[in-house]
Amino acid sequence: MFRVDAEAVELGRVPYWAKGIASFLHDRNALGGSAIPKKTLPRSDRILLPNVSSVTRLRTLFQKHRIAKVDFLQIDVEGYNYHVLKQFDFSRAAILKILT
């Protein structure tokens, strides 16, 4: 996971709103994406710092907690949402069982 260096925020190298943003993909947040042009973001490689994070597959999480049916799924995985959603077995979703 990439996070914004807090010192870069405090020194004014990036806007204050950048404090605390992070992403699994370095180009999926406002700093690595398009909100701030590269020419106005000096040394972006030193502003976006790698941060080691542990991960768990959705299937493993459901097995661990014995989840057989999902009524509501809300995720916020910092730019990696699609990769989590493609792991989801939609036959577990209650809404699909109602509609079919």
PDB file of N, CA and C in Angstrom:
ATOM      1  N   MET A   1       0.849  -1.164   0.000  1.00  0.00           N
ATOM      2  CA  MET A   1       0.000   0.000   0.000  1.00  0.00           C
ATOM      3  C   MET A   1       0.901   1.235   0.000  1.00  0.00           C
ATOM      4  N   PHE A   2       0.503   2.226  -0.744  1.00  0.00           N
ATOM      5  CA  PHE A   2       1.246   3.481  -0.782  1.00  0.00           C
ATOM      6  C   PHE A   2       0.490   4.526   0.031  1.00  0.00           C
ATOM      7  N   ARG A   3       1.203   5.273   0.839  1.00  0.00           N
ATOM      8  CA  ARG A   3       0.595   6.332   1.637  1.00  0.00           C
ATOM      9  C   ARG A   3       1.361   7.626   1.428  1.00  0.00           C
ATOM     10  N   VAL A   4       0.712   8.722   1.711  1.00  0.00           N
ATOM     11  CA  VAL A   4       1.344  10.029   1.572  1.00  0.00           C
ATOM     12  C   VAL A   4       2.191  10.277   2.817  1.00  0.00           C
ATOM     13  N   ASP A   5       3.408  10.705   2.603  1.00  0.00           N
ATOM     14  CA  ASP A   5       4.313  11.026   3.700  1.00  0.00           C
ATOM     15  C   ASP A   5       3.763  12.220   4.485  1.00  0.00           C
ATOM     16  N   ALA A   6       3.529  12.035   5.780  1.00  0.00           N
ATOM     17  CA  ALA A   6       2.972  13.094   6.631  1.00  0.00           C
ATOM     18  C   ALA A   6       3.871  14.331   6.650  1.00  0.00           C
ATOM     19  N   GLU A   7       5.180  14.128   6.586  1.00  0.00           N
ATOM     20  CA  GLU A   7       6.111  15.266   6.590  1.00  0.00           C
ATOM     21  C   GLU A   7       5.936  16.120   5.337  1.00  0.00           C
ATOM     22  N   ALA A   8       5.636  15.491   4.213  1.00  0.00           N
ATOM     23  CA  ALA A   8       5.416  16.238   2.970  1.00  0.00           C
ATOM     24  C   ALA A   8       4.210  17.156   3.110  1.00  0.00           C
ATOM     25  N   VAL A   9       3.193  16.706   3.833  1.00  0.00           N
ATOM     26  CA  VAL A   9       2.007  17.535   4.082  1.00  0.00           C
ATOM     27  C   VAL A   9       2.373  18.683   5.013  1.00  0.00           C
ATOM     28  N   GLU A  10       3.055  18.353   6.102  1.00  0.00           N
ATOM     29  CA  GLU A  10       3.417  19.367   7.092  1.00  0.00           C
ATOM     30  C   GLU A  10       4.337  20.443   6.510  1.00  0.00           C
ATOM     31  N   LEU A  11       5.202  20.072   5.579  1.00  0.00           N
ATOM     32  CA  LEU A  11       6.110  21.039   4.962  1.00  0.00           C
ATOM     33  C   LEU A  11       5.481  21.781   3.786  1.00  0.00           C
ATOM     34  N   GLY A  12       4.235  21.429   3.455  1.00  0.00           N
ATOM     35  CA  GLY A  12       3.535  22.125   2.388  1.00  0.00           C
ATOM     36  C   GLY A  12       3.903  21.670   0.984  1.00  0.00           C
ATOM     37  N   ARG A  13       4.566  20.532   0.843  1.00  0.00           N
ATOM     38  CA  ARG A  13       4.905  20.010  -0.500  1.00  0.00           C
ATOM     39  C   ARG A  13       3.686  19.509  -1.240  1.00  0.00           C
ATOM     40  N   VAL A  14       2.678  19.096  -0.486  1.00  0.00           N
ATOM     41  CA  VAL A  14       1.399  18.650  -1.054  1.00  0.00           C
ATOM     42  C   VAL A  14       0.283  19.320  -0.254  1.00  0.00           C
ATOM     43  N   PRO A  15      -0.902  19.422  -0.819  1.00  0.00           N
ATOM     44  CA  PRO A  15      -2.018  20.064  -0.103  1.00  0.00           C
ATOM     45  C   PRO A  15      -2.364  19.329   1.189  1.00  0.00           C
ATOM     46  N   TYR A  16      -2.946  20.046   2.131  1.00  0.00           N
ATOM     47  CA  TYR A  16      -3.298  19.475   3.419  1.00  0.00           C
ATOM     48  C   TYR A  16      -4.276  18.310   3.282  1.00  0.00           C
ATOM     49  N   TRP A  17      -5.181  18.367   2.278  1.00  0.00           N
ATOM     50  CA  TRP A  17      -6.164  17.305   2.100  1.00  0.00           C
ATOM     51  C   TRP A  17      -5.512  15.958   1.774  1.00  0.00           C
ATOM     52  N   ALA A  18      -4.233  15.973   1.416  1.00  0.00           N
ATOM     53  CA  ALA A  18      -3.542  14.730   1.077  1.00  0.00           C
ATOM     54  C   ALA A  18      -3.157  13.929   2.316  1.00  0.00           C
ATOM     55  N   LYS A  19      -3.248  14.544   3.481  1.00  0.00           N
ATOM     56  CA  LYS A  19      -2.885  13.850   4.716  1.00  0.00           C
ATOM     57  C   LYS A  19      -3.796  12.648   4.923  1.00  0.00           C
ATOM     58  N   GLY A  20      -3.203  11.485   5.005  1.00  0.00           N
ATOM     59  CA  GLY A  20      -3.946  10.269   5.290  1.00  0.00           C
ATOM     60  C   GLY A  20      -4.420   9.486   4.079  1.00  0.00           C
ATOM     61  N   ILE A  21      -4.236  10.005   2.860  1.00  0.00           N
ATOM     62  CA  ILE A  21      -4.692   9.210   1.726  1.00  0.00           C
ATOM     63  C   ILE A  21      -3.698   8.091   1.436  1.00  0.00           C
ATOM     64  N   ALA A  22      -4.253   6.992   0.957  1.00  0.00           N
ATOM     65  CA  ALA A  22      -3.439   5.821   0.666  1.00  0.00           C
ATOM     66  C   ALA A  22      -4.116   5.016  -0.430  1.00  0.00           C
ATOM     67  N   SER A  23      -3.346   4.153  -1.058  1.00  0.00           N
ATOM     68  CA  SER A  23      -3.885   3.304  -2.121  1.00  0.00           C
ATOM     69  C   SER A  23      -2.981   2.104  -2.316  1.00  0.00           C
ATOM     70  N   PHE A  24      -3.583   0.991  -2.744  1.00  0.00           N
ATOM     71  CA  PHE A  24      -2.775  -0.169  -3.094  1.00  0.00           C
ATOM     72  C   PHE A  24      -2.055   0.059  -4.413  1.00  0.00           C
ATOM     73  N   LEU A  25      -2.598   0.953  -5.224  1.00  0.00           N
ATOM     74  CA  LEU A  25      -2.011   1.268  -6.527  1.00  0.00           C
ATOM     75  C   LEU A  25      -1.557   2.724  -6.501  1.00  0.00           C
ATOM     76  N   HIS A  26      -0.275   2.969  -6.736  1.00  0.00           N
ATOM     77  CA  HIS A  26       0.274   4.315  -6.546  1.00  0.00           C
ATOM     78  C   HIS A  26      -0.337   5.371  -7.445  1.00  0.00           C
ATOM     79  N   ASP A  27      -0.956   4.979  -8.537  1.00  0.00           N
ATOM     80  CA  ASP A  27      -1.540   5.981  -9.433  1.00  0.00           C
ATOM     81  C   ASP A  27      -3.052   6.118  -9.257  1.00  0.00           C
ATOM     82  N   ARG A  28      -3.619   5.598  -8.173  1.00  0.00           N
ATOM     83  CA  ARG A  28      -5.072   5.630  -7.992  1.00  0.00           C
ATOM     84  C   ARG A  28      -5.543   6.628  -6.952  1.00  0.00           C
ATOM     85  N   ASN A  29      -4.675   7.436  -6.434  1.00  0.00           N
ATOM     86  CA  ASN A  29      -5.150   8.476  -5.534  1.00  0.00           C
ATOM     87  C   ASN A  29      -4.926   9.832  -6.202  1.00  0.00           C
ATOM     88  N   ALA A  30      -5.359  10.882  -5.569  1.00  0.00           N
ATOM     89  CA  ALA A  30      -5.286  12.205  -6.189  1.00  0.00           C
ATOM     90  C   ALA A  30      -3.851  12.634  -6.493  1.00  0.00           C
ATOM     91  N   LEU A  31      -2.907  12.236  -5.676  1.00  0.00           N
ATOM     92  CA  LEU A  31      -1.513  12.641  -5.913  1.00  0.00           C
ATOM     93  C   LEU A  31      -0.887  11.888  -7.066  1.00  0.00           C
ATOM     94  N   GLY A  32      -1.137  10.602  -7.147  1.00  0.00           N
ATOM     95  CA  GLY A  32      -0.562   9.803  -8.226  1.00  0.00           C
ATOM     96  C   GLY A  32      -1.416   9.798  -9.472  1.00  0.00           C
ATOM     97  N   GLY A  33      -2.629  10.294  -9.350  1.00  0.00           N
ATOM     98  CA  GLY A  33      -3.563  10.312 -10.472  1.00  0.00           C
ATOM     99  C   GLY A  33      -3.525  11.626 -11.219  1.00  0.00           C
ATOM    100  N   SER A  34      -4.633  12.335 -11.211  1.00  0.00           N
ATOM    101  CA  SER A  34      -4.709  13.532 -12.048  1.00  0.00           C
ATOM    102  C   SER A  34      -5.036  14.814 -11.304  1.00  0.00           C
ATOM    103  N   ALA A  35      -5.299  14.772 -10.016  1.00  0.00           N
ATOM    104  CA  ALA A  35      -5.682  15.991  -9.299  1.00  0.00           C
ATOM    105  C   ALA A  35      -4.544  16.996  -9.201  1.00  0.00           C
ATOM    106  N   ILE A  36      -3.323  16.516  -9.161  1.00  0.00           N
ATOM    107  CA  ILE A  36      -2.168  17.407  -9.092  1.00  0.00           C
ATOM    108  C   ILE A  36      -1.233  17.061 -10.246  1.00  0.00           C
ATOM    109  N   PRO A  37      -0.993  18.005 -11.147  1.00  0.00           N
ATOM    110  CA  PRO A  37      -0.091  17.724 -12.275  1.00  0.00           C
ATOM    111  C   PRO A  37       1.310  17.361 -11.786  1.00  0.00           C
ATOM    112  N   LYS A  38       1.954  16.441 -12.490  1.00  0.00           N
ATOM    113  CA  LYS A  38       3.293  15.982 -12.117  1.00  0.00           C
ATOM    114  C   LYS A  38       4.300  17.134 -11.998  1.00  0.00           C
ATOM    115  N   LYS A  39       4.186  18.150 -12.863  1.00  0.00           N
ATOM    116  CA  LYS A  39       5.162  19.246 -12.824  1.00  0.00           C
ATOM    117  C   LYS A  39       5.055  20.069 -11.544  1.00  0.00           C
ATOM    118  N   THR A  40       3.889  20.037 -10.874  1.00  0.00           N
ATOM    119  CA  THR A  40       3.750  20.780  -9.624  1.00  0.00           C
ATOM    120  C   THR A  40       3.947  19.897  -8.399  1.00  0.00           C
ATOM    121  N   LEU A  41       4.289  18.648  -8.626  1.00  0.00           N
ATOM    122  CA  LEU A  41       4.492  17.711  -7.531  1.00  0.00           C
ATOM    123  C   LEU A  41       5.937  17.222  -7.545  1.00  0.00           C
ATOM    124  N   PRO A  42       6.835  17.979  -6.953  1.00  0.00           N
ATOM    125  CA  PRO A  42       8.245  17.583  -6.980  1.00  0.00           C
ATOM    126  C   PRO A  42       8.517  16.333  -6.161  1.00  0.00           C
ATOM    127  N   ARG A  43       9.398  15.510  -6.684  1.00  0.00           N
ATOM    128  CA  ARG A  43       9.847  14.298  -5.991  1.00  0.00           C
ATOM    129  C   ARG A  43       8.684  13.437  -5.497  1.00  0.00           C
ATOM    130  N   SER A  44       7.739  13.136  -6.397  1.00  0.00           N
ATOM    131  CA  SER A  44       6.567  12.357  -5.984  1.00  0.00           C
ATOM    132  C   SER A  44       6.956  10.978  -5.475  1.00  0.00           C
ATOM    133  N   ASP A  45       8.106  10.477  -5.907  1.00  0.00           N
ATOM    134  CA  ASP A  45       8.548   9.169  -5.419  1.00  0.00           C
ATOM    135  C   ASP A  45       8.887   9.216  -3.934  1.00  0.00           C
ATOM    136  N   ARG A  46       9.160  10.398  -3.406  1.00  0.00           N
ATOM    137  CA  ARG A  46       9.450  10.529  -1.980  1.00  0.00           C
ATOM    138  C   ARG A  46       8.209  10.927  -1.186  1.00  0.00           C
ATOM    139  N   ILE A  47       7.155  11.314  -1.881  1.00  0.00           N
ATOM    140  CA  ILE A  47       5.922  11.702  -1.204  1.00  0.00           C
ATOM    141  C   ILE A  47       5.012  10.492  -1.010  1.00  0.00           C
ATOM    142  N   LEU A  48       4.963   9.615  -2.002  1.00  0.00           N
ATOM    143  CA  LEU A  48       4.179   8.383  -1.887  1.00  0.00           C
ATOM    144  C   LEU A  48       5.088   7.270  -1.389  1.00  0.00           C
ATOM    145  N   LEU A  49       4.909   6.887  -0.154  1.00  0.00           N
ATOM    146  CA  LEU A  49       5.777   5.896   0.475  1.00  0.00           C
ATOM    147  C   LEU A  49       5.116   4.529   0.519  1.00  0.00           C
ATOM    148  N   PRO A  50       5.881   3.470   0.250  1.00  0.00           N
ATOM    149  CA  PRO A  50       5.316   2.119   0.372  1.00  0.00           C
ATOM    150  C   PRO A  50       5.096   1.769   1.839  1.00  0.00           C
ATOM    151  N   ASN A  51       4.033   1.044   2.096  1.00  0.00           N
ATOM    152  CA  ASN A  51       3.689   0.637   3.447  1.00  0.00           C
ATOM    153  C   ASN A  51       3.240  -0.823   3.384  1.00  0.00           C
ATOM    154  N   VAL A  52       3.888  -1.699   4.100  1.00  0.00           N
ATOM    155  CA  VAL A  52       3.560  -3.121   4.071  1.00  0.00           C
ATOM    156  C   VAL A  52       2.224  -3.346   4.783  1.00  0.00           C
ATOM    157  N   SER A  53       1.314  -4.059   4.122  1.00  0.00           N
ATOM    158  CA  SER A  53      -0.007  -4.349   4.678  1.00  0.00           C
ATOM    159  C   SER A  53      -0.304  -5.829   4.518  1.00  0.00           C
ATOM    160  N   SER A  54      -1.021  -6.375   5.468  1.00  0.00           N
ATOM    161  CA  SER A  54      -1.444  -7.768   5.315  1.00  0.00           C
ATOM    162  C   SER A  54      -2.786  -7.781   4.579  1.00  0.00           C
ATOM    163  N   VAL A  55      -3.018  -8.832   3.827  1.00  0.00           N
ATOM    164  CA  VAL A  55      -4.258  -8.959   3.067  1.00  0.00           C
ATOM    165  C   VAL A  55      -4.858 -10.334   3.297  1.00  0.00           C
ATOM    166  N   THR A  56      -6.163 -10.436   3.098  1.00  0.00           N
ATOM    167  CA  THR A  56      -6.882 -11.694   3.217  1.00  0.00           C
ATOM    168  C   THR A  56      -7.861 -11.783   2.062  1.00  0.00           C
ATOM    169  N   ARG A  57      -7.908 -12.920   1.407  1.00  0.00           N
ATOM    170  CA  ARG A  57      -8.884 -13.113   0.329  1.00  0.00           C
ATOM    171  C   ARG A  57     -10.294 -13.113   0.919  1.00  0.00           C
ATOM    172  N   LEU A  58     -11.237 -12.628   0.141  1.00  0.00           N
ATOM    173  CA  LEU A  58     -12.619 -12.551   0.582  1.00  0.00           C
ATOM    174  C   LEU A  58     -13.156 -13.923   0.986  1.00  0.00           C
ATOM    175  N   ARG A  59     -12.860 -14.940   0.185  1.00  0.00           N
ATOM    176  CA  ARG A  59     -13.312 -16.306   0.492  1.00  0.00           C
ATOM    177  C   ARG A  59     -12.787 -16.755   1.856  1.00  0.00           C
ATOM    178  N   THR A  60     -11.522 -16.481   2.131  1.00  0.00           N
ATOM    179  CA  THR A  60     -10.917 -16.862   3.408  1.00  0.00           C
ATOM    180  C   THR A  60     -11.595 -16.139   4.563  1.00  0.00           C
ATOM    181  N   LEU A  61     -11.889 -14.879   4.377  1.00  0.00           N
ATOM    182  CA  LEU A  61     -12.568 -14.091   5.406  1.00  0.00           C
ATOM    183  C   LEU A  61     -13.958 -14.642   5.692  1.00  0.00           C
ATOM    184  N   PHE A  62     -14.700 -15.000   4.633  1.00  0.00           N
ATOM    185  CA  PHE A  62     -16.034 -15.575   4.813  1.00  0.00           C
ATOM    186  C   PHE A  62     -15.951 -16.929   5.517  1.00  0.00           C
ATOM    187  N   GLN A  63     -14.985 -17.748   5.148  1.00  0.00           N
ATOM    188  CA  GLN A  63     -14.835 -19.054   5.793  1.00  0.00           C
ATOM    189  C   GLN A  63     -14.478 -18.890   7.268  1.00  0.00           C
ATOM    190  N   LYS A  64     -13.561 -18.008   7.548  1.00  0.00           N
ATOM    191  CA  LYS A  64     -13.117 -17.790   8.929  1.00  0.00           C
ATOM    192  C   LYS A  64     -14.271 -17.382   9.839  1.00  0.00           C
ATOM    193  N   HIS A  65     -15.160 -16.536   9.326  1.00  0.00           N
ATOM    194  CA  HIS A  65     -16.268 -16.023  10.131  1.00  0.00           C
ATOM    195  C   HIS A  65     -17.589 -16.735   9.840  1.00  0.00           C
ATOM    196  N   ARG A  66     -17.509 -17.847   9.074  1.00  0.00           N
ATOM    197  CA  ARG A  66     -18.670 -18.696   8.762  1.00  0.00           C
ATOM    198  C   ARG A  66     -19.828 -17.887   8.161  1.00  0.00           C
ATOM    199  N   ILE A  67     -19.515 -17.054   7.180  1.00  0.00           N
ATOM    200  CA  ILE A  67     -20.529 -16.244   6.505  1.00  0.00           C
ATOM    201  C   ILE A  67     -21.056 -17.031   5.316  1.00  0.00           C
ATOM    202  N   ALA A  68     -22.332 -17.363   5.370  1.00  0.00           N
ATOM    203  CA  ALA A  68     -22.947 -18.144   4.289  1.00  0.00           C
ATOM    204  C   ALA A  68     -23.761 -17.266   3.343  1.00  0.00           C
ATOM    205  N   LYS A  69     -24.291 -16.164   3.856  1.00  0.00           N
ATOM    206  CA  LYS A  69     -25.142 -15.281   3.071  1.00  0.00           C
ATOM    207  C   LYS A  69     -24.749 -13.831   3.355  1.00  0.00           C
ATOM    208  N   VAL A  70     -24.776 -13.005   2.337  1.00  0.00           N
ATOM    209  CA  VAL A  70     -24.432 -11.589   2.494  1.00  0.00           C
ATOM    210  C   VAL A  70     -25.655 -10.756   2.144  1.00  0.00           C
ATOM    211  N   ASP A  71     -26.103  -9.944   3.092  1.00  0.00           N
ATOM    212  CA  ASP A  71     -27.219  -9.041   2.848  1.00  0.00           C
ATOM    213  C   ASP A  71     -26.738  -7.702   2.300  1.00  0.00           C
ATOM    214  N   PHE A  72     -25.574  -7.296   2.733  1.00  0.00           N
ATOM    215  CA  PHE A  72     -25.041  -5.992   2.340  1.00  0.00           C
ATOM    216  C   PHE A  72     -23.523  -6.086   2.372  1.00  0.00           C
ATOM    217  N   LEU A  73     -22.883  -5.647   1.319  1.00  0.00           N
ATOM    218  CA  LEU A  73     -21.423  -5.659   1.261  1.00  0.00           C
ATOM    219  C   LEU A  73     -20.944  -4.250   0.947  1.00  0.00           C
ATOM    220  N   GLN A  74     -20.179  -3.682   1.848  1.00  0.00           N
ATOM    221  CA  GLN A  74     -19.599  -2.358   1.631  1.00  0.00           C
ATOM    222  C   GLN A  74     -18.088  -2.493   1.770  1.00  0.00           C
ATOM    223  N   ILE A  75     -17.378  -2.034   0.767  1.00  0.00           N
ATOM    224  CA  ILE A  75     -15.925  -2.125   0.815  1.00  0.00           C
ATOM    225  C   ILE A  75     -15.317  -0.757   0.528  1.00  0.00           C
ATOM    226  N   ASP A  76     -14.155  -0.549   1.072  1.00  0.00           N
ATOM    227  CA  ASP A  76     -13.364   0.644   0.795  1.00  0.00           C
ATOM    228  C   ASP A  76     -11.919   0.215   0.962  1.00  0.00           C
ATOM    229  N   VAL A  77     -11.336  -0.230  -0.120  1.00  0.00           N
ATOM    230  CA  VAL A  77      -9.997  -0.791  -0.047  1.00  0.00           C
ATOM    231  C   VAL A  77      -9.001   0.012  -0.885  1.00  0.00           C
ATOM    232  N   GLU A  78      -9.178   1.324  -0.822  1.00  0.00           N
ATOM    233  CA  GLU A  78      -8.201   2.257  -1.363  1.00  0.00           C
ATOM    234  C   GLU A  78      -7.747   1.955  -2.787  1.00  0.00           C
ATOM    235  N   GLY A  79      -8.697   1.960  -3.706  1.00  0.00           N
ATOM    236  CA  GLY A  79      -8.358   1.783  -5.111  1.00  0.00           C
ATOM    237  C   GLY A  79      -8.318   0.348  -5.590  1.00  0.00           C
ATOM    238  N   TYR A  80      -8.576  -0.585  -4.704  1.00  0.00           N
ATOM    239  CA  TYR A  80      -8.496  -1.995  -5.059  1.00  0.00           C
ATOM    240  C   TYR A  80      -9.875  -2.649  -5.061  1.00  0.00           C
ATOM    241  N   ASN A  81     -10.927  -1.842  -5.078  1.00  0.00           N
ATOM    242  CA  ASN A  81     -12.294  -2.338  -4.957  1.00  0.00           C
ATOM    243  C   ASN A  81     -12.635  -3.382  -6.020  1.00  0.00           C
ATOM    244  N   TYR A  82     -12.300  -3.130  -7.270  1.00  0.00           N
ATOM    245  CA  TYR A  82     -12.609  -4.076  -8.337  1.00  0.00           C
ATOM    246  C   TYR A  82     -11.985  -5.441  -8.059  1.00  0.00           C
ATOM    247  N   HIS A  83     -10.780  -5.456  -7.574  1.00  0.00           N
ATOM    248  CA  HIS A  83     -10.084  -6.712  -7.319  1.00  0.00           C
ATOM    249  C   HIS A  83     -10.751  -7.503  -6.187  1.00  0.00           C
ATOM    250  N   VAL A  84     -11.365  -6.806  -5.260  1.00  0.00           N
ATOM    251  CA  VAL A  84     -12.113  -7.492  -4.207  1.00  0.00           C
ATOM    252  C   VAL A  84     -13.453  -7.971  -4.756  1.00  0.00           C
ATOM    253  N   LEU A  85     -14.150  -7.109  -5.485  1.00  0.00           N
ATOM    254  CA  LEU A  85     -15.466  -7.479  -6.018  1.00  0.00           C
ATOM    255  C   LEU A  85     -15.412  -8.671  -6.960  1.00  0.00           C
ATOM    256  N   LYS A  86     -14.346  -8.797  -7.727  1.00  0.00           N
ATOM    257  CA  LYS A  86     -14.291  -9.939  -8.639  1.00  0.00           C
ATOM    258  C   LYS A  86     -14.082 -11.259  -7.892  1.00  0.00           C
ATOM    259  N   GLN A  87     -13.736 -11.213  -6.616  1.00  0.00           N
ATOM    260  CA  GLN A  87     -13.630 -12.411  -5.788  1.00  0.00           C
ATOM    261  C   GLN A  87     -14.972 -12.813  -5.185  1.00  0.00           C
ATOM    262  N   PHE A  88     -15.935 -11.898  -5.193  1.00  0.00           N
ATOM    263  CA  PHE A  88     -17.205 -12.114  -4.511  1.00  0.00           C
ATOM    264  C   PHE A  88     -18.102 -13.077  -5.270  1.00  0.00           C
ATOM    265  N   ASP A  89     -18.623 -14.061  -4.565  1.00  0.00           N
ATOM    266  CA  ASP A  89     -19.575 -15.022  -5.122  1.00  0.00           C
ATOM    267  C   ASP A  89     -20.971 -14.413  -4.966  1.00  0.00           C
ATOM    268  N   PHE A  90     -21.500 -13.868  -6.054  1.00  0.00           N
ATOM    269  CA  PHE A  90     -22.769 -13.154  -5.980  1.00  0.00           C
ATOM    270  C   PHE A  90     -23.948 -14.066  -5.659  1.00  0.00           C
ATOM    271  N   SER A  91     -23.774 -15.371  -5.714  1.00  0.00           N
ATOM    272  CA  SER A  91     -24.855 -16.269  -5.313  1.00  0.00           C
ATOM    273  C   SER A  91     -25.066 -16.210  -3.795  1.00  0.00           C
ATOM    274  N   ARG A  92     -24.125 -15.650  -3.062  1.00  0.00           N
ATOM    275  CA  ARG A  92     -24.267 -15.471  -1.617  1.00  0.00           C
ATOM    276  C   ARG A  92     -25.132 -14.260  -1.268  1.00  0.00           C
ATOM    277  N   ALA A  93     -25.384 -13.401  -2.228  1.00  0.00           N
ATOM    278  CA  ALA A  93     -26.099 -12.155  -1.949  1.00  0.00           C
ATOM    279  C   ALA A  93     -27.587 -12.393  -1.829  1.00  0.00           C
ATOM    280  N   ALA A  94     -28.198 -11.895  -0.773  1.00  0.00           N
ATOM    281  CA  ALA A  94     -29.625 -12.076  -0.528  1.00  0.00           C
ATOM    282  C   ALA A  94     -30.471 -11.452  -1.622  1.00  0.00           C
ATOM    283  N   ILE A  95     -30.089 -10.313  -2.138  1.00  0.00           N
ATOM    284  CA  ILE A  95     -30.885  -9.626  -3.157  1.00  0.00           C
ATOM    285  C   ILE A  95     -30.997 -10.458  -4.431  1.00  0.00           C
ATOM    286  N   LEU A  96     -29.951 -11.152  -4.793  1.00  0.00           N
ATOM    287  CA  LEU A  96     -30.010 -11.989  -5.984  1.00  0.00           C
ATOM    288  C   LEU A  96     -30.938 -13.179  -5.781  1.00  0.00           C
ATOM    289  N   LYS A  97     -31.018 -13.690  -4.586  1.00  0.00           N
ATOM    290  CA  LYS A  97     -31.913 -14.817  -4.299  1.00  0.00           C
ATOM    291  C   LYS A  97     -33.363 -14.362  -4.360  1.00  0.00           C
ATOM    292  N   ILE A  98     -33.639 -13.132  -3.976  1.00  0.00           N
ATOM    293  CA  ILE A  98     -34.990 -12.596  -4.053  1.00  0.00           C
ATOM    294  C   ILE A  98     -35.406 -12.402  -5.495  1.00  0.00           C
ATOM    295  N   LEU A  99     -34.503 -11.928  -6.329  1.00  0.00           N
ATOM    296  CA  LEU A  99     -34.814 -11.618  -7.714  1.00  0.00           C
ATOM    297  C   LEU A  99     -34.901 -12.846  -8.610  1.00  0.00           C
ATOM    298  N   THR A 100     -34.265 -13.937  -8.226  1.00  0.00           N
ATOM    299  CA  THR A 100     -34.262 -15.114  -9.098  1.00  0.00           C
ATOM    300  C   THR A 100     -35.354 -16.097  -8.765  1.00  0.00           C
TER     301      THR A 100
END
